[in-house]
C-alpha atoms as a PDB file:
ATOM      1  CA  MET A   1       9.831-124.027-132.308  1.00  0.00           C
ATOM      2  CA  ARG A   2      11.024-120.837-130.869  1.00  0.00           C
ATOM      3  CA  GLU A   3      13.843-120.694-128.376  1.00  0.00           C
ATOM      4  CA  SER A   4      12.423-118.922-124.616  1.00  0.00           C
ATOM      5  CA  PRO A   5      15.727-117.704-122.675  1.00  0.00           C
ATOM      6  CA  VAL A   6      14.006-117.721-119.152  1.00  0.00           C
ATOM      7  CA  ILE A   7      12.913-121.172-120.207  1.00  0.00           C
ATOM      8  CA  ALA A   8      15.916-122.321-120.880  1.00  0.00           C
ATOM      9  CA  ASP A   9      17.515-120.958-117.817  1.00  0.00           C
ATOM     10  CA  ARG A  10      15.308-122.420-115.580  1.00  0.00           C
ATOM     11  CA  VAL A  11      15.516-125.826-117.529  1.00  0.00           C
ATOM     12  CA  LYS A  12      20.063-125.609-116.853  1.00  0.00           C
ATOM     13  CA  ASP A  13      19.133-124.532-113.582  1.00  0.00           C
ATOM     14  CA  LEU A  14      16.812-127.012-112.309  1.00  0.00           C
ATOM     15  CA  ILE A  15      19.662-129.766-114.222  1.00  0.00           C
ATOM     16  CA  ALA A  16      22.698-128.448-112.108  1.00  0.00           C
ATOM     17  CA  GLN A  17      20.789-128.222-108.818  1.00  0.00           C
ATOM     18  CA  GLN A  18      19.323-132.122-109.384  1.00  0.00           C
ATOM     19  CA  LEU A  19      22.596-133.743-110.657  1.00  0.00           C
ATOM     20  CA  MET A  20      24.795-131.153-108.184  1.00  0.00           C
ATOM     21  CA  ILE A  21      27.035-130.035-110.813  1.00  0.00           C
ATOM     22  CA  ASP A  22      28.141-126.587-112.035  1.00  0.00           C
ATOM     23  CA  ARG A  23      25.422-124.449-113.552  1.00  0.00           C
ATOM     24  CA  SER A  24      28.502-123.565-115.859  1.00  0.00           C
ATOM     25  CA  LEU A  25      28.641-127.084-117.326  1.00  0.00           C
ATOM     26  CA  VAL A  26      24.894-126.920-117.820  1.00  0.00           C
ATOM     27  CA  VAL A  27      25.044-125.846-121.954  1.00  0.00           C
ATOM     28  CA  GLU A  28      22.449-127.206-124.723  1.00  0.00           C
ATOM     29  CA  SER A  29      25.454-129.251-126.698  1.00  0.00           C
ATOM     30  CA  ALA A  30      25.438-131.171-122.916  1.00  0.00           C
ATOM     31  CA  ARG A  31      24.532-134.832-123.443  1.00  0.00           C
ATOM     32  CA  LEU A  32      23.015-135.853-120.656  1.00  0.00           C
ATOM     33  CA  PHE A  33      24.649-139.324-119.446  1.00  0.00           C
ATOM     34  CA  GLU A  34      28.284-138.872-121.479  1.00  0.00           C
ATOM     35  CA  ASP A  35      29.024-135.337-119.904  1.00  0.00           C
ATOM     36  CA  LEU A  36      26.853-134.470-117.358  1.00  0.00           C
ATOM     37  CA  ASP A  37      27.073-138.143-115.485  1.00  0.00           C
ATOM     38  CA  LEU A  38      23.674-138.434-116.166  1.00  0.00           C
ATOM     39  CA  ASP A  39      22.673-142.080-114.410  1.00  0.00           C
ATOM     40  CA  SER A  40      19.110-143.879-114.636  1.00  0.00           C
ATOM     41  CA  LEU A  41      18.066-143.006-111.132  1.00  0.00           C
ATOM     42  CA  ASP A  42      19.071-139.321-111.743  1.00  0.00           C
ATOM     43  CA  SER A  43      16.964-139.349-115.181  1.00  0.00           C
ATOM     44  CA  VAL A  44      13.919-140.203-113.248  1.00  0.00           C
ATOM     45  CA  GLU A  45      14.454-137.893-110.878  1.00  0.00           C
ATOM     46  CA  LEU A  46      14.956-135.511-113.140  1.00  0.00           C
ATOM     47  CA  ILE A  47      11.919-136.011-115.690  1.00  0.00           C
ATOM     48  CA  MET A  48       9.700-135.673-112.016  1.00  0.00           C
ATOM     49  CA  ALA A  49      11.349-132.619-111.009  1.00  0.00           C
ATOM     50  CA  MET A  50      10.842-131.374-114.708  1.00  0.00           C
ATOM     51  CA  GLU A  51       7.269-132.252-114.271  1.00  0.00           C
ATOM     52  CA  GLU A  52       6.948-130.727-111.530  1.00  0.00           C
ATOM     53  CA  GLU A  53       8.486-127.417-111.692  1.00  0.00           C
ATOM     54  CA  PHE A  54       6.746-126.713-115.526  1.00  0.00           C
ATOM     55  CA  ASN A  55       3.428-128.469-114.346  1.00  0.00           C
ATOM     56  CA  CYS A  56       3.308-130.587-117.504  1.00  0.00           C
ATOM     57  CA  GLY A  57       3.818-134.234-118.436  1.00  0.00           C
ATOM     58  CA  VAL A  58       6.814-136.297-120.221  1.00  0.00           C
ATOM     59  CA  PRO A  59       5.535-139.125-121.925  1.00  0.00           C
ATOM     60  CA  ASP A  60       7.794-141.786-122.135  1.00  0.00           C
ATOM     61  CA  GLY A  61       7.857-142.624-125.458  1.00  0.00           C
ATOM     62  CA  GLU A  62       9.781-139.170-125.651  1.00  0.00           C
ATOM     63  CA  ILE A  63      12.030-140.099-122.862  1.00  0.00           C
ATOM     64  CA  ALA A  64      13.649-142.321-124.455  1.00  0.00           C
ATOM     65  CA  HIS A  65      14.610-139.172-127.434  1.00  0.00           C
ATOM     66  CA  ILE A  66      15.700-137.264-124.570  1.00  0.00           C
ATOM     67  CA  LYS A  67      19.801-137.066-124.859  1.00  0.00           C
ATOM     68  CA  THR A  68      21.218-133.527-124.501  1.00  0.00           C
ATOM     69  CA  VAL A  69      20.700-130.250-122.674  1.00  0.00           C
ATOM     70  CA  GLU A  70      18.957-129.437-125.880  1.00  0.00           C
ATOM     71  CA  ASP A  71      16.472-132.319-126.168  1.00  0.00           C
ATOM     72  CA  VAL A  72      15.452-131.288-122.229  1.00  0.00           C
ATOM     73  CA  ILE A  73      14.898-127.569-123.356  1.00  0.00           C
ATOM     74  CA  GLN A  74      12.357-128.650-126.801  1.00  0.00           C
ATOM     75  CA  VAL A  75      10.526-130.820-125.087  1.00  0.00           C
ATOM     76  CA  VAL A  76       9.826-128.172-122.062  1.00  0.00           C
ATOM     77  CA  LEU A  77       8.631-125.963-124.623  1.00  0.00           C
ATOM     78  CA  THR A  78       6.885-128.830-126.475  1.00  0.00           C
ATOM     79  CA  ARG A  79       4.616-129.114-123.418  1.00  0.00           C
ATOM     80  CA  LEU A  80       4.282-125.928-122.249  1.00  0.00           C
ATOM     81  CA  ALA A  81       2.886-124.764-125.963  1.00  0.00           C
ATOM     82  CA  PRO A  82      -0.320-123.621-126.492  1.00  0.00           C
ATOM     83  CA  SER A  83      -1.914-127.333-128.485  1.00  0.00           C
ATOM     84  CA  ASP A  84      -4.886-124.726-130.028  1.00  0.00           C
ATOM     85  CA  SER A  85      -1.820-122.604-131.963  1.00  0.00           C
ATOM     86  CA  ALA A  86      -3.365-122.229-135.174  1.00  0.00           C
ATOM     87  CA  ALA A  87      -1.350-119.905-137.087  1.00  0.00           C
END
């Protein structure tokens, strides 16, 4: 999937805001729980904020696979991608 710098920046900004951390810490390779100190309540709030910000739902089955900032970006990009994209 193509990377969208605008979406990636919006995701990173939202993560920094939700976790009340410096934006410079939110890099693609950052692990949410280990590096950014996300806890279970934070994870629920982050998913809810992402769904609201990007007006898309994240299926429960995908949530368990989200481990890094890059994973969050990819989930958002996947959810925003047109479902009828036949190439």
